[in-house]
Amino acid sequence: MSSVLNRSFASIGSSSRNKASPNITHSSRNLPTISINLLPPNPFGSFSCQPTKPVDPTTRKNTKVVDVYVTSAVELDAKQIEKISRKMKKLTGKREIRMEICVDPNLIAGFLIKYKDYDDDECCQEIDLSVKGQLTNLADRIKISNQIDEQYRKSGSTMKIL
């Protein structure tokens, strides 16, 4: 493996899951809103997978190295790590990938990749391939669609946007 690999694994939560506990509330239109809590509350507070060492951007300029921080729902094996490394080399055009990996079961499944190309002055890039990220995106799109529908109802239009 040509990439330098720093493994930092952190496992949070327990393997036992609480039973689903539905919470039912009523909105102003008398339609029930149901939310189901499938995961137990995190006893350790909010989880954050941050780089363990601060990086000096001036030493990284004009190098062929990129720092990659991978947060995974489960521990990754060597084959998966090597595949991520190859894909990141291809994506960034760098020769060396320095990777830090941590585990966050709150992602449900999949992983989140954050990387910074120090030759580019843009902020940190993020690739979210987690189930949690996909569910968040879906919820945001539904919320926007509902807001648009509400605006059409208020304007008296009969057109429905799907």
Protein backbone atom coordinates (compact mmCIF):
# COMPACT_ATOMS: atom_id res chain seq x y z
CA MET A 1 0.00 0.00 0.00
CA SER A 2 1.64 3.24 -1.09
CA SER A 3 -0.52 5.49 1.03
CA VAL A 4 0.33 6.43 4.57
CA LEU A 5 -2.45 5.24 6.80
CA ASN A 6 -3.33 6.46 10.27
CA ARG A 7 -6.14 4.49 11.86
CA SER A 8 -8.14 6.07 14.62
CA PHE A 9 -11.12 3.95 15.53
CA ALA A 10 -13.75 5.13 17.96
CA SER A 11 -16.81 3.06 18.66
CA ILE A 12 -19.73 4.72 20.35
CA GLY A 13 -23.00 3.29 21.53
CA SER A 14 -23.89 -0.23 22.47
CA SER A 15 -24.83 -3.16 20.34
CA SER A 16 -28.20 -3.49 22.03
CA ARG A 17 -30.96 -1.44 20.43
CA ASN A 18 -33.97 0.01 22.20
CA LYS A 19 -37.36 -1.07 20.97
CA ALA A 20 -38.93 1.38 18.55
CA SER A 21 -40.82 4.00 20.52
CA PRO A 22 -43.37 5.96 18.48
CA ASN A 23 -44.09 9.56 19.40
CA ILE A 24 -47.40 10.85 18.07
CA THR A 25 -48.19 14.55 18.01
CA HIS A 26 -50.94 16.50 16.31
CA SER A 27 -50.32 19.43 13.99
CA SER A 28 -52.56 22.46 13.63
CA ARG A 29 -54.44 20.73 10.79
CA ASN A 30 -55.37 17.79 13.09
CA LEU A 31 -53.22 15.39 11.11
CA PRO A 32 -51.07 13.10 13.25
CA THR A 33 -47.31 13.36 12.92
CA ILE A 34 -45.54 10.15 13.85
CA SER A 35 -41.85 9.87 14.57
CA ILE A 36 -40.23 6.58 15.49
CA ASN A 37 -36.98 6.47 17.44
CA LEU A 38 -35.11 3.39 16.22
CA LEU A 39 -31.73 4.13 17.78
CA PRO A 40 -31.04 4.68 21.47
CA PRO A 41 -29.94 8.14 22.54
CA ASN A 42 -26.19 8.61 22.43
CA PRO A 43 -24.95 8.40 26.06
CA PHE A 44 -21.70 10.18 25.11
CA GLY A 45 -23.29 13.35 23.71
CA SER A 46 -22.75 14.51 20.17
CA PHE A 47 -20.12 12.55 18.26
CA SER A 48 -17.49 14.29 16.23
CA CYS A 49 -14.81 12.71 14.11
CA GLN A 50 -12.20 15.41 13.74
CA PRO A 51 -8.55 15.23 12.72
CA THR A 52 -6.41 14.30 15.72
CA LYS A 53 -3.53 16.56 14.67
CA PRO A 54 -3.81 20.14 13.41
CA VAL A 55 -2.49 20.52 9.88
CA ASP A 56 -0.39 23.52 8.85
CA PRO A 57 -1.66 24.46 5.35
CA THR A 58 1.57 26.29 4.44
CA THR A 59 3.56 23.05 4.65
CA ARG A 60 1.01 21.24 2.45
CA LYS A 61 0.99 23.77 -0.44
CA ASN A 62 2.39 22.49 -3.74
CA THR A 63 2.75 18.91 -2.52
CA LYS A 64 1.33 15.71 -3.91
CA VAL A 65 -0.24 14.77 -0.57
CA VAL A 66 -3.88 15.08 0.45
CA ASP A 67 -5.29 14.47 3.92
CA VAL A 68 -8.48 12.40 3.95
CA TYR A 69 -10.74 11.86 6.96
CA VAL A 70 -13.13 8.92 6.61
CA THR A 71 -16.00 8.39 9.03
CA SER A 72 -17.61 4.99 8.61
CA ALA A 73 -20.63 3.34 10.21
CA VAL A 74 -18.57 0.17 10.72
CA GLU A 75 -14.89 -0.71 10.80
CA LEU A 76 -13.41 -0.86 7.29
CA ASP A 77 -11.15 -3.70 6.21
CA ALA A 78 -7.82 -3.22 4.38
CA LYS A 79 -9.38 -3.89 0.95
CA GLN A 80 -12.03 -1.18 1.45
CA ILE A 81 -9.41 1.29 2.71
CA GLU A 82 -7.19 0.63 -0.31
CA LYS A 83 -10.15 1.14 -2.66
CA ILE A 84 -11.02 4.48 -1.02
CA SER A 85 -7.36 5.48 -1.27
CA ARG A 86 -7.22 4.66 -5.02
CA LYS A 87 -10.45 6.57 -5.70
CA MET A 88 -9.22 9.60 -3.75
CA LYS A 89 -5.89 9.58 -5.65
CA LYS A 90 -7.82 9.56 -8.92
CA LEU A 91 -10.24 12.28 -7.74
CA THR A 92 -7.58 14.64 -6.38
CA GLY A 93 -4.69 13.84 -8.73
CA LYS A 94 -2.37 13.38 -5.76
CA ARG A 95 0.29 10.68 -5.40
CA GLU A 96 -0.11 10.12 -1.68
CA ILE A 97 -3.22 9.90 0.47
CA ARG A 98 -2.87 10.31 4.22
CA MET A 99 -5.99 8.80 5.69
CA GLU A 100 -7.50 8.94 9.15
CA ILE A 101 -10.43 6.64 9.81
CA CYS A 102 -12.97 6.63 12.62
CA VAL A 103 -16.20 4.75 13.26
CA ASP A 104 -19.52 6.48 13.98
CA PRO A 105 -22.52 4.11 14.21
CA ASN A 106 -24.86 7.14 13.98
CA LEU A 107 -24.26 7.09 10.20
CA ILE A 108 -26.42 3.91 10.15
CA ALA A 109 -24.55 2.55 7.08
CA GLY A 110 -22.03 3.82 4.55
CA PHE A 111 -19.35 6.44 5.10
CA LEU A 112 -18.49 10.13 4.95
CA ILE A 113 -15.25 11.39 3.40
CA LYS A 114 -13.80 14.84 4.10
CA TYR A 115 -10.65 15.98 2.35
CA LYS A 116 -8.68 19.15 1.80
CA ASP A 117 -6.56 19.84 -1.25
CA TYR A 118 -4.10 22.43 0.02
CA ASP A 119 -3.23 23.57 -3.52
CA ASP A 120 -6.85 24.71 -3.82
CA ASP A 121 -7.92 27.60 -1.60
CA GLU A 122 -11.47 26.28 -1.31
CA CYS A 123 -12.73 24.85 1.95
CA CYS A 124 -12.78 21.19 2.85
CA GLN A 125 -14.63 18.98 0.36
CA GLU A 126 -17.16 16.40 1.55
CA ILE A 127 -18.48 13.21 -0.01
CA ASP A 128 -21.45 11.84 1.95
CA LEU A 129 -22.26 8.23 1.09
CA SER A 130 -24.02 7.46 4.38
CA VAL A 131 -27.62 6.41 4.91
CA LYS A 132 -27.97 9.21 7.46
CA GLY A 133 -26.90 11.75 4.82
CA GLN A 134 -29.29 10.33 2.22
CA LEU A 135 -32.20 10.42 4.69
CA THR A 136 -31.36 14.02 5.60
CA ASN A 137 -31.32 15.02 1.91
CA LEU A 138 -34.64 13.26 1.31
CA ALA A 139 -36.23 15.00 4.31
CA ASP A 140 -34.98 18.37 3.07
CA ARG A 141 -36.43 17.77 -0.42
CA ILE A 142 -39.79 16.73 1.04
CA LYS A 143 -39.83 19.83 3.25
CA ILE A 144 -39.12 22.09 0.26
CA SER A 145 -41.79 20.35 -1.82
CA ASN A 146 -44.33 20.84 0.97
CA GLN A 147 -43.41 24.53 1.22
CA ILE A 148 -43.94 24.97 -2.54
CA ASP A 149 -47.30 23.16 -2.33
CA GLU A 150 -48.33 25.43 0.53
CA GLN A 151 -47.41 28.54 -1.48
CA TYR A 152 -49.53 27.34 -4.41
CA ARG A 153 -52.48 26.67 -2.10
CA LYS A 154 -52.20 30.17 -0.64
CA SER A 155 -52.04 31.72 -4.12
CA GLY A 156 -55.18 29.87 -5.22
CA SER A 157 -53.41 27.93 -7.98
CA THR A 158 -54.63 24.42 -8.79
CA MET A 159 -51.29 23.23 -10.17
CA LYS A 160 -49.65 20.44 -8.15
CA ILE A 161 -45.87 20.07 -8.11
CA LEU A 162 -44.59 16.57 -7.47
